[in-house]
Amino acid sequence: MTDSKNKKSQSEVITTVLLILIGILAVSIVSVFIVNLVRNNLRGSECTQILSQISISDSEWTFFNSTSKLLYLNIERETKDFELAGLYVMFGDSSNTKALKIVDGTNNYVYSINSTGGLNTTVTLPKLGEKRTYVIDSVAAGFTNNVTLASISLILPENINCGESDRKVIEPK
């Protein structure tokens, strides 16, 4: 009789331990989903805080050359520190647009201006408080009309697109 009582006691202990382990497992699975949800919401709020930190400058270096079909965009970065992985540049006219991604390095149809006024195939993203002029070959990118509008959006790490940061009407020259 003592043997059956011991087996029954052991069975209750094992059941209790298993229930505790199942509870811990359920809490850890739910916490993974909650942590990811909170992380994504925080990134969304980060976007709203930094959207104004990059803009297309109203300078003599922002224009469209209607002869060469080159779009010159002077992009200015403010001084708030955040990690910038890239930019999307959307350009076109009132009926058609094209989008290009700009990252550090070589980009399709996007160039930087070197010290002699020529074009470099390697570009870098603007650093804090810096202005950079990007030259986009609109015809090579597949846009044959005159460019009259341009906008940019920020790309944060992990390919998070923050949406449109700035939009400008472009003057042809």
N, C-alpha and C. Protein backbone atom coordinates (compact mmCIF):
# COMPACT_ATOMS: atom_id res chain seq x y z
N MET A 1 0.80 -1.18 0.00
CA MET A 1 0.00 0.00 0.00
C MET A 1 0.87 1.26 0.00
N THR A 2 1.96 1.23 0.66
CA THR A 2 2.86 2.37 0.68
C THR A 2 3.45 2.59 -0.71
N ASP A 3 3.67 1.51 -1.42
CA ASP A 3 4.23 1.61 -2.76
C ASP A 3 3.28 2.36 -3.70
N SER A 4 2.00 2.09 -3.64
CA SER A 4 1.04 2.76 -4.52
C SER A 4 0.88 4.24 -4.12
N LYS A 5 1.01 4.55 -2.83
CA LYS A 5 0.95 5.95 -2.40
C LYS A 5 2.16 6.72 -2.92
N ASN A 6 3.35 6.11 -2.90
CA ASN A 6 4.56 6.75 -3.41
C ASN A 6 4.44 7.00 -4.91
N LYS A 7 3.90 6.02 -5.65
CA LYS A 7 3.74 6.18 -7.09
C LYS A 7 2.75 7.30 -7.39
N LYS A 8 1.67 7.36 -6.59
CA LYS A 8 0.69 8.41 -6.79
C LYS A 8 1.30 9.78 -6.47
N SER A 9 2.12 9.89 -5.45
CA SER A 9 2.79 11.14 -5.08
C SER A 9 3.78 11.56 -6.17
N GLN A 10 4.53 10.59 -6.68
CA GLN A 10 5.49 10.89 -7.75
C GLN A 10 4.75 11.36 -9.00
N SER A 11 3.65 10.74 -9.30
CA SER A 11 2.85 11.10 -10.47
C SER A 11 2.34 12.53 -10.34
N GLU A 12 1.91 12.94 -9.16
CA GLU A 12 1.43 14.30 -8.95
C GLU A 12 2.56 15.31 -9.09
N VAL A 13 3.75 14.98 -8.60
CA VAL A 13 4.91 15.87 -8.71
C VAL A 13 5.30 16.04 -10.19
N ILE A 14 5.33 14.93 -10.92
CA ILE A 14 5.69 14.98 -12.35
C ILE A 14 4.65 15.81 -13.12
N THR A 15 3.38 15.64 -12.80
CA THR A 15 2.32 16.41 -13.46
C THR A 15 2.49 17.90 -13.18
N THR A 16 2.78 18.24 -11.93
CA THR A 16 2.97 19.64 -11.56
C THR A 16 4.17 20.24 -12.30
N VAL A 17 5.28 19.52 -12.34
CA VAL A 17 6.48 20.01 -13.03
C VAL A 17 6.19 20.20 -14.53
N LEU A 18 5.50 19.25 -15.14
CA LEU A 18 5.16 19.36 -16.56
C LEU A 18 4.24 20.55 -16.82
N LEU A 19 3.27 20.79 -15.96
CA LEU A 19 2.39 21.96 -16.12
C LEU A 19 3.16 23.27 -16.01
N ILE A 20 4.10 23.32 -15.08
CA ILE A 20 4.94 24.52 -14.93
C ILE A 20 5.78 24.74 -16.18
N LEU A 21 6.38 23.68 -16.72
CA LEU A 21 7.19 23.79 -17.93
C LEU A 21 6.35 24.23 -19.13
N ILE A 22 5.14 23.71 -19.27
CA ILE A 22 4.25 24.11 -20.36
C ILE A 22 3.88 25.59 -20.22
N GLY A 23 3.64 26.04 -18.99
CA GLY A 23 3.34 27.45 -18.75
C GLY A 23 4.51 28.35 -19.13
N ILE A 24 5.73 27.96 -18.75
CA ILE A 24 6.92 28.74 -19.10
C ILE A 24 7.10 28.79 -20.61
N LEU A 25 6.90 27.67 -21.28
CA LEU A 25 7.01 27.61 -22.73
C LEU A 25 5.99 28.52 -23.41
N ALA A 26 4.76 28.50 -22.93
CA ALA A 26 3.71 29.35 -23.50
C ALA A 26 4.05 30.83 -23.31
N VAL A 27 4.53 31.21 -22.14
CA VAL A 27 4.90 32.59 -21.88
C VAL A 27 6.05 33.02 -22.79
N SER A 28 7.05 32.16 -22.99
CA SER A 28 8.16 32.55 -23.85
C SER A 28 7.74 32.68 -25.30
N ILE A 29 6.84 31.84 -25.79
CA ILE A 29 6.36 31.96 -27.17
C ILE A 29 5.58 33.25 -27.35
N VAL A 30 4.70 33.58 -26.43
CA VAL A 30 3.92 34.81 -26.51
C VAL A 30 4.83 36.03 -26.40
N SER A 31 5.85 35.98 -25.56
CA SER A 31 6.74 37.13 -25.39
C SER A 31 7.53 37.43 -26.65
N VAL A 32 7.89 36.42 -27.42
CA VAL A 32 8.60 36.65 -28.68
C VAL A 32 7.73 37.48 -29.62
N PHE A 33 6.45 37.15 -29.73
CA PHE A 33 5.55 37.91 -30.59
C PHE A 33 5.36 39.34 -30.08
N ILE A 34 5.23 39.51 -28.78
CA ILE A 34 5.03 40.84 -28.20
C ILE A 34 6.27 41.70 -28.40
N VAL A 35 7.46 41.14 -28.18
CA VAL A 35 8.70 41.90 -28.36
C VAL A 35 8.84 42.36 -29.81
N ASN A 36 8.55 41.48 -30.77
CA ASN A 36 8.62 41.87 -32.19
C ASN A 36 7.61 42.95 -32.52
N LEU A 37 6.41 42.85 -31.98
CA LEU A 37 5.38 43.86 -32.23
C LEU A 37 5.80 45.22 -31.68
N VAL A 38 6.32 45.25 -30.46
CA VAL A 38 6.77 46.50 -29.85
C VAL A 38 7.96 47.07 -30.63
N ARG A 39 8.90 46.22 -31.04
CA ARG A 39 10.07 46.68 -31.79
C ARG A 39 9.63 47.33 -33.10
N ASN A 40 8.69 46.72 -33.82
CA ASN A 40 8.22 47.28 -35.09
C ASN A 40 7.50 48.62 -34.86
N ASN A 41 6.72 48.73 -33.80
CA ASN A 41 6.04 49.99 -33.51
C ASN A 41 7.03 51.09 -33.14
N LEU A 42 8.10 50.74 -32.41
CA LEU A 42 9.11 51.73 -32.06
C LEU A 42 9.83 52.22 -33.30
N ARG A 43 10.11 51.32 -34.26
CA ARG A 43 10.76 51.73 -35.50
C ARG A 43 9.86 52.68 -36.27
N GLY A 44 8.57 52.43 -36.26
CA GLY A 44 7.64 53.33 -36.94
C GLY A 44 7.69 54.72 -36.35
N SER A 45 7.79 54.81 -35.02
CA SER A 45 7.85 56.13 -34.40
C SER A 45 9.21 56.77 -34.66
N GLU A 46 10.25 55.98 -34.82
CA GLU A 46 11.57 56.52 -35.16
C GLU A 46 11.50 57.22 -36.52
N CYS A 47 10.76 56.62 -37.45
CA CYS A 47 10.61 57.21 -38.78
C CYS A 47 9.98 58.60 -38.69
N THR A 48 8.94 58.75 -37.90
CA THR A 48 8.28 60.06 -37.83
C THR A 48 9.20 61.11 -37.23
N GLN A 49 10.13 60.70 -36.39
CA GLN A 49 11.04 61.66 -35.76
C GLN A 49 12.16 62.09 -36.69
N ILE A 50 12.48 61.28 -37.71
CA ILE A 50 13.63 61.62 -38.55
C ILE A 50 13.28 61.98 -39.99
N LEU A 51 12.00 61.90 -40.37
CA LEU A 51 11.64 62.21 -41.76
C LEU A 51 12.09 63.60 -42.18
N SER A 52 12.08 64.56 -41.28
CA SER A 52 12.47 65.92 -41.63
C SER A 52 13.99 66.11 -41.66
N GLN A 53 14.74 65.06 -41.39
CA GLN A 53 16.19 65.19 -41.30
C GLN A 53 16.90 65.14 -42.65
N ILE A 54 16.19 64.77 -43.72
CA ILE A 54 16.78 64.76 -45.06
C ILE A 54 15.82 65.44 -46.01
N SER A 55 16.36 66.33 -46.83
CA SER A 55 15.51 67.06 -47.77
C SER A 55 16.27 67.33 -49.07
N ILE A 56 15.49 67.63 -50.10
CA ILE A 56 16.07 68.07 -51.37
C ILE A 56 16.28 69.57 -51.25
N SER A 57 17.50 69.99 -51.38
CA SER A 57 17.86 71.39 -51.17
C SER A 57 17.37 72.26 -52.34
N ASP A 58 16.87 73.45 -52.00
CA ASP A 58 16.52 74.45 -53.01
C ASP A 58 17.80 75.23 -53.36
N SER A 59 18.63 74.61 -54.15
CA SER A 59 19.89 75.26 -54.51
C SER A 59 20.06 75.22 -56.01
N GLU A 60 21.13 75.86 -56.47
CA GLU A 60 21.42 75.83 -57.91
C GLU A 60 21.81 74.43 -58.38
N TRP A 61 22.02 73.51 -57.45
CA TRP A 61 22.40 72.13 -57.80
C TRP A 61 21.22 71.18 -57.82
N THR A 62 20.01 71.69 -57.74
CA THR A 62 18.81 70.86 -57.89
C THR A 62 18.07 71.34 -59.13
N PHE A 63 18.22 70.57 -60.22
CA PHE A 63 17.58 70.94 -61.48
C PHE A 63 17.60 69.75 -62.43
N PHE A 64 16.88 69.90 -63.55
CA PHE A 64 16.88 68.89 -64.61
C PHE A 64 17.46 69.52 -65.87
N ASN A 65 18.50 68.90 -66.42
CA ASN A 65 19.10 69.37 -67.66
C ASN A 65 18.33 68.73 -68.81
N SER A 66 17.49 69.51 -69.50
CA SER A 66 16.63 68.95 -70.54
C SER A 66 17.40 68.54 -71.79
N THR A 67 18.64 69.01 -71.95
CA THR A 67 19.46 68.60 -73.10
C THR A 67 20.10 67.24 -72.85
N SER A 68 20.77 67.10 -71.72
CA SER A 68 21.47 65.83 -71.41
C SER A 68 20.55 64.81 -70.72
N LYS A 69 19.37 65.26 -70.29
CA LYS A 69 18.40 64.42 -69.56
C LYS A 69 18.98 63.91 -68.24
N LEU A 70 19.82 64.74 -67.63
CA LEU A 70 20.38 64.41 -66.31
C LEU A 70 19.63 65.20 -65.24
N LEU A 71 19.26 64.49 -64.18
CA LEU A 71 18.60 65.10 -63.03
C LEU A 71 19.64 65.31 -61.95
N TYR A 72 19.79 66.55 -61.50
CA TYR A 72 20.72 66.89 -60.42
C TYR A 72 19.90 67.12 -59.16
N LEU A 73 20.20 66.35 -58.11
CA LEU A 73 19.51 66.51 -56.83
C LEU A 73 20.53 66.79 -55.74
N ASN A 74 20.40 67.94 -55.11
CA ASN A 74 21.25 68.29 -53.99
C ASN A 74 20.48 67.93 -52.73
N ILE A 75 20.96 66.91 -52.02
CA ILE A 75 20.25 66.38 -50.85
C ILE A 75 21.00 66.77 -49.59
N GLU A 76 20.25 67.33 -48.65
CA GLU A 76 20.83 67.86 -47.42
C GLU A 76 20.38 67.02 -46.23
N ARG A 77 21.35 66.66 -45.39
CA ARG A 77 21.05 65.91 -44.16
C ARG A 77 21.29 66.82 -42.96
N GLU A 78 20.30 66.86 -42.08
CA GLU A 78 20.41 67.67 -40.86
C GLU A 78 21.34 66.97 -39.86
N THR A 79 21.36 67.46 -38.63
CA THR A 79 22.36 67.01 -37.65
C THR A 79 21.86 65.96 -36.66
N LYS A 80 20.60 65.56 -36.72
CA LYS A 80 20.14 64.52 -35.80
C LYS A 80 20.75 63.18 -36.23
N ASP A 81 21.35 62.50 -35.27
CA ASP A 81 22.06 61.26 -35.57
C ASP A 81 21.10 60.08 -35.67
N PHE A 82 21.16 59.37 -36.77
CA PHE A 82 20.44 58.12 -36.97
C PHE A 82 21.17 57.35 -38.06
N GLU A 83 20.97 56.06 -38.09
CA GLU A 83 21.65 55.24 -39.08
C GLU A 83 20.85 55.22 -40.37
N LEU A 84 21.47 55.70 -41.43
CA LEU A 84 20.84 55.77 -42.75
C LEU A 84 21.43 54.66 -43.63
N ALA A 85 20.57 53.75 -44.08
CA ALA A 85 21.04 52.65 -44.93
C ALA A 85 20.95 53.00 -46.41
N GLY A 86 20.09 53.95 -46.76
CA GLY A 86 19.95 54.32 -48.16
C GLY A 86 18.83 55.32 -48.36
N LEU A 87 18.61 55.67 -49.61
CA LEU A 87 17.54 56.59 -50.01
C LEU A 87 16.82 56.00 -51.21
N TYR A 88 15.53 56.26 -51.29
CA TYR A 88 14.80 56.02 -52.52
C TYR A 88 14.56 57.39 -53.14
N VAL A 89 14.88 57.51 -54.42
CA VAL A 89 14.60 58.74 -55.16
C VAL A 89 13.52 58.40 -56.17
N MET A 90 12.40 59.11 -56.11
CA MET A 90 11.33 58.97 -57.08
C MET A 90 11.35 60.23 -57.93
N PHE A 91 11.31 60.06 -59.24
CA PHE A 91 11.34 61.21 -60.13
C PHE A 91 10.44 60.95 -61.33
N GLY A 92 9.98 62.03 -61.94
CA GLY A 92 9.13 61.89 -63.10
C GLY A 92 8.38 63.17 -63.40
N ASP A 93 7.18 62.99 -63.96
CA ASP A 93 6.31 64.12 -64.25
C ASP A 93 4.95 63.83 -63.63
N SER A 94 3.93 64.57 -64.02
CA SER A 94 2.62 64.42 -63.38
C SER A 94 1.94 63.09 -63.70
N SER A 95 2.40 62.38 -64.74
CA SER A 95 1.72 61.12 -65.09
C SER A 95 2.57 59.87 -64.90
N ASN A 96 3.89 59.97 -64.91
CA ASN A 96 4.77 58.80 -64.77
C ASN A 96 5.88 59.08 -63.78
N THR A 97 6.29 58.05 -63.05
CA THR A 97 7.43 58.18 -62.15
C THR A 97 8.31 56.94 -62.22
N LYS A 98 9.55 57.12 -61.83
CA LYS A 98 10.52 56.04 -61.68
C LYS A 98 11.10 56.14 -60.28
N ALA A 99 11.56 55.02 -59.77
CA ALA A 99 12.19 55.01 -58.45
C ALA A 99 13.56 54.34 -58.54
N LEU A 100 14.52 54.92 -57.87
CA LEU A 100 15.87 54.35 -57.79
C LEU A 100 16.30 54.30 -56.33
N LYS A 101 17.03 53.26 -55.99
CA LYS A 101 17.57 53.13 -54.64
C LYS A 101 19.02 53.60 -54.67
N ILE A 102 19.37 54.45 -53.70
CA ILE A 102 20.76 54.93 -53.58
C ILE A 102 21.33 54.39 -52.27
N VAL A 103 22.45 53.70 -52.38
CA VAL A 103 23.18 53.21 -51.21
C VAL A 103 24.65 53.59 -51.41
N ASP A 104 25.46 53.44 -50.36
CA ASP A 104 26.89 53.67 -50.51
C ASP A 104 27.45 52.68 -51.52
N GLY A 105 28.24 53.18 -52.45
CA GLY A 105 28.85 52.31 -53.45
C GLY A 105 28.35 52.65 -54.85
N THR A 106 28.39 51.66 -55.73
CA THR A 106 27.95 51.84 -57.11
C THR A 106 26.46 51.58 -57.21
N ASN A 107 25.75 52.48 -57.88
CA ASN A 107 24.31 52.40 -58.04
C ASN A 107 23.98 52.51 -59.53
N ASN A 108 22.95 51.84 -59.97
CA ASN A 108 22.53 51.94 -61.37
C ASN A 108 22.02 53.35 -61.66
N TYR A 109 22.60 54.00 -62.67
CA TYR A 109 22.14 55.29 -63.21
C TYR A 109 22.30 56.46 -62.24
N VAL A 110 23.02 56.28 -61.14
CA VAL A 110 23.21 57.34 -60.16
C VAL A 110 24.71 57.62 -60.01
N TYR A 111 25.06 58.91 -60.04
CA TYR A 111 26.47 59.30 -59.99
C TYR A 111 26.64 60.42 -58.98
N SER A 112 27.88 60.63 -58.57
CA SER A 112 28.21 61.79 -57.74
C SER A 112 29.14 62.68 -58.55
N ILE A 113 29.28 63.91 -58.12
CA ILE A 113 30.14 64.86 -58.82
C ILE A 113 31.50 64.88 -58.15
N ASN A 114 32.57 64.72 -58.94
CA ASN A 114 33.92 64.75 -58.35
C ASN A 114 34.46 66.18 -58.32
N SER A 115 35.64 66.35 -57.81
CA SER A 115 36.21 67.68 -57.59
C SER A 115 36.46 68.45 -58.89
N THR A 116 36.58 67.76 -60.01
CA THR A 116 36.80 68.45 -61.29
C THR A 116 35.51 68.71 -62.05
N GLY A 117 34.36 68.33 -61.44
CA GLY A 117 33.07 68.53 -62.09
C GLY A 117 32.61 67.35 -62.91
N GLY A 118 33.42 66.30 -62.98
CA GLY A 118 33.03 65.09 -63.69
C GLY A 118 32.16 64.20 -62.82
N LEU A 119 31.74 63.08 -63.38
CA LEU A 119 30.85 62.17 -62.66
C LEU A 119 31.59 60.94 -62.16
N ASN A 120 31.35 60.59 -60.91
CA ASN A 120 31.88 59.36 -60.31
C ASN A 120 30.80 58.30 -60.31
N THR A 121 31.18 57.05 -60.51
CA THR A 121 30.19 55.97 -60.44
C THR A 121 29.96 55.53 -59.00
N THR A 122 30.88 55.87 -58.10
CA THR A 122 30.73 55.51 -56.70
C THR A 122 30.11 56.69 -55.95
N VAL A 123 29.05 56.42 -55.19
CA VAL A 123 28.40 57.48 -54.42
C VAL A 123 28.43 57.12 -52.94
N THR A 124 28.30 58.15 -52.11
CA THR A 124 28.18 57.93 -50.67
C THR A 124 26.95 58.69 -50.19
N LEU A 125 26.33 58.16 -49.17
CA LEU A 125 25.17 58.81 -48.56
C LEU A 125 25.63 60.02 -47.77
N PRO A 126 24.77 61.03 -47.63
CA PRO A 126 25.18 62.22 -46.87
C PRO A 126 25.40 61.90 -45.39
N LYS A 127 26.45 62.47 -44.85
CA LYS A 127 26.75 62.34 -43.42
C LYS A 127 26.02 63.46 -42.67
N LEU A 128 26.11 63.46 -41.35
CA LEU A 128 25.45 64.48 -40.53
C LEU A 128 25.85 65.89 -40.96
N GLY A 129 24.85 66.75 -41.20
CA GLY A 129 25.09 68.13 -41.55
C GLY A 129 25.69 68.35 -42.93
N GLU A 130 25.59 67.38 -43.80
CA GLU A 130 26.26 67.45 -45.09
C GLU A 130 25.26 67.53 -46.25
N LYS A 131 25.70 68.14 -47.35
CA LYS A 131 24.93 68.16 -48.59
C LYS A 131 25.68 67.33 -49.62
N ARG A 132 24.94 66.56 -50.40
CA ARG A 132 25.54 65.77 -51.49
C ARG A 132 24.69 65.97 -52.73
N THR A 133 25.34 66.10 -53.88
CA THR A 133 24.62 66.20 -55.13
C THR A 133 24.73 64.87 -55.87
N TYR A 134 23.57 64.34 -56.22
CA TYR A 134 23.48 63.10 -56.99
C TYR A 134 23.01 63.44 -58.40
N VAL A 135 23.59 62.79 -59.38
CA VAL A 135 23.21 62.99 -60.77
C VAL A 135 22.60 61.69 -61.26
N ILE A 136 21.36 61.79 -61.76
CA ILE A 136 20.63 60.61 -62.21
C ILE A 136 20.43 60.69 -63.71
N ASP A 137 20.85 59.66 -64.42
CA ASP A 137 20.64 59.56 -65.86
C ASP A 137 19.22 59.04 -66.08
N SER A 138 18.30 59.96 -66.31
CA SER A 138 16.88 59.59 -66.38
C SER A 138 16.57 58.70 -67.58
N VAL A 139 17.22 58.92 -68.72
CA VAL A 139 16.96 58.09 -69.91
C VAL A 139 17.45 56.66 -69.68
N ALA A 140 18.65 56.51 -69.13
CA ALA A 140 19.17 55.17 -68.84
C ALA A 140 18.29 54.46 -67.81
N ALA A 141 17.66 55.23 -66.92
CA ALA A 141 16.77 54.65 -65.92
C ALA A 141 15.39 54.33 -66.51
N GLY A 142 15.16 54.71 -67.77
CA GLY A 142 13.91 54.36 -68.43
C GLY A 142 12.86 55.47 -68.45
N PHE A 143 13.28 56.71 -68.19
CA PHE A 143 12.32 57.82 -68.20
C PHE A 143 12.77 58.80 -69.28
N THR A 144 11.99 58.93 -70.35
CA THR A 144 12.41 59.75 -71.49
C THR A 144 11.82 61.16 -71.49
N ASN A 145 10.80 61.43 -70.70
CA ASN A 145 10.21 62.77 -70.63
C ASN A 145 11.08 63.68 -69.77
N ASN A 146 10.75 64.98 -69.77
CA ASN A 146 11.42 65.90 -68.86
C ASN A 146 10.96 65.65 -67.43
N VAL A 147 11.90 65.65 -66.51
CA VAL A 147 11.59 65.44 -65.10
C VAL A 147 11.11 66.77 -64.52
N THR A 148 9.94 66.74 -63.88
CA THR A 148 9.40 67.96 -63.26
C THR A 148 9.14 67.80 -61.76
N LEU A 149 9.19 66.56 -61.28
CA LEU A 149 8.96 66.28 -59.85
C LEU A 149 10.01 65.29 -59.34
N ALA A 150 10.41 65.48 -58.11
CA ALA A 150 11.32 64.52 -57.47
C ALA A 150 10.98 64.45 -55.99
N SER A 151 11.13 63.26 -55.43
CA SER A 151 10.95 63.10 -53.99
C SER A 151 11.93 62.05 -53.49
N ILE A 152 12.16 62.08 -52.18
CA ILE A 152 13.07 61.10 -51.57
C ILE A 152 12.39 60.48 -50.36
N SER A 153 12.80 59.27 -50.05
CA SER A 153 12.38 58.63 -48.80
C SER A 153 13.58 57.93 -48.19
N LEU A 154 13.56 57.81 -46.88
CA LEU A 154 14.67 57.23 -46.13
C LEU A 154 14.55 55.72 -46.05
N ILE A 155 15.70 55.06 -46.08
CA ILE A 155 15.76 53.63 -45.82
C ILE A 155 16.63 53.44 -44.59
N LEU A 156 16.06 52.83 -43.55
CA LEU A 156 16.79 52.56 -42.33
C LEU A 156 17.34 51.13 -42.39
N PRO A 157 18.19 50.75 -41.45
CA PRO A 157 18.69 49.37 -41.43
C PRO A 157 17.56 48.36 -41.45
N GLU A 158 17.85 47.17 -41.91
CA GLU A 158 16.89 46.08 -42.07
C GLU A 158 15.86 46.43 -43.14
N ASN A 159 16.26 47.32 -44.08
CA ASN A 159 15.45 47.69 -45.24
C ASN A 159 14.09 48.29 -44.88
N ILE A 160 14.04 49.04 -43.78
CA ILE A 160 12.81 49.71 -43.36
C ILE A 160 12.68 51.02 -44.14
N ASN A 161 11.61 51.15 -44.90
CA ASN A 161 11.35 52.36 -45.68
C ASN A 161 10.46 53.28 -44.85
N CYS A 162 10.96 54.50 -44.60
CA CYS A 162 10.23 55.44 -43.76
C CYS A 162 9.17 56.23 -44.51
N GLY A 163 9.05 56.06 -45.78
CA GLY A 163 8.08 56.86 -46.52
C GLY A 163 8.69 58.16 -46.99
N GLU A 164 7.89 58.96 -47.67
CA GLU A 164 8.38 60.17 -48.32
C GLU A 164 8.85 61.20 -47.31
N SER A 165 10.08 61.66 -47.52
CA SER A 165 10.67 62.65 -46.64
C SER A 165 10.51 64.06 -47.22
N ASP A 166 10.67 64.19 -48.53
CA ASP A 166 10.58 65.51 -49.15
C ASP A 166 10.19 65.35 -50.61
N ARG A 167 9.47 66.35 -51.14
CA ARG A 167 9.04 66.37 -52.55
C ARG A 167 9.28 67.78 -53.09
N LYS A 168 9.84 67.85 -54.29
CA LYS A 168 10.13 69.15 -54.89
C LYS A 168 9.68 69.17 -56.34
N VAL A 169 9.27 70.35 -56.79
CA VAL A 169 9.04 70.61 -58.21
C VAL A 169 10.42 70.95 -58.79
N ILE A 170 10.78 70.29 -59.87
CA ILE A 170 12.10 70.46 -60.47
C ILE A 170 12.01 71.39 -61.67
N GLU A 171 12.90 72.34 -61.71
CA GLU A 171 12.94 73.29 -62.83
C GLU A 171 13.87 72.76 -63.92
N PRO A 172 13.36 72.61 -65.15
CA PRO A 172 14.24 72.23 -66.26
C PRO A 172 15.14 73.40 -66.66
N LYS A 173 16.35 73.10 -67.06
CA LYS A 173 17.29 74.14 -67.54
C LYS A 173 17.74 73.77 -68.93
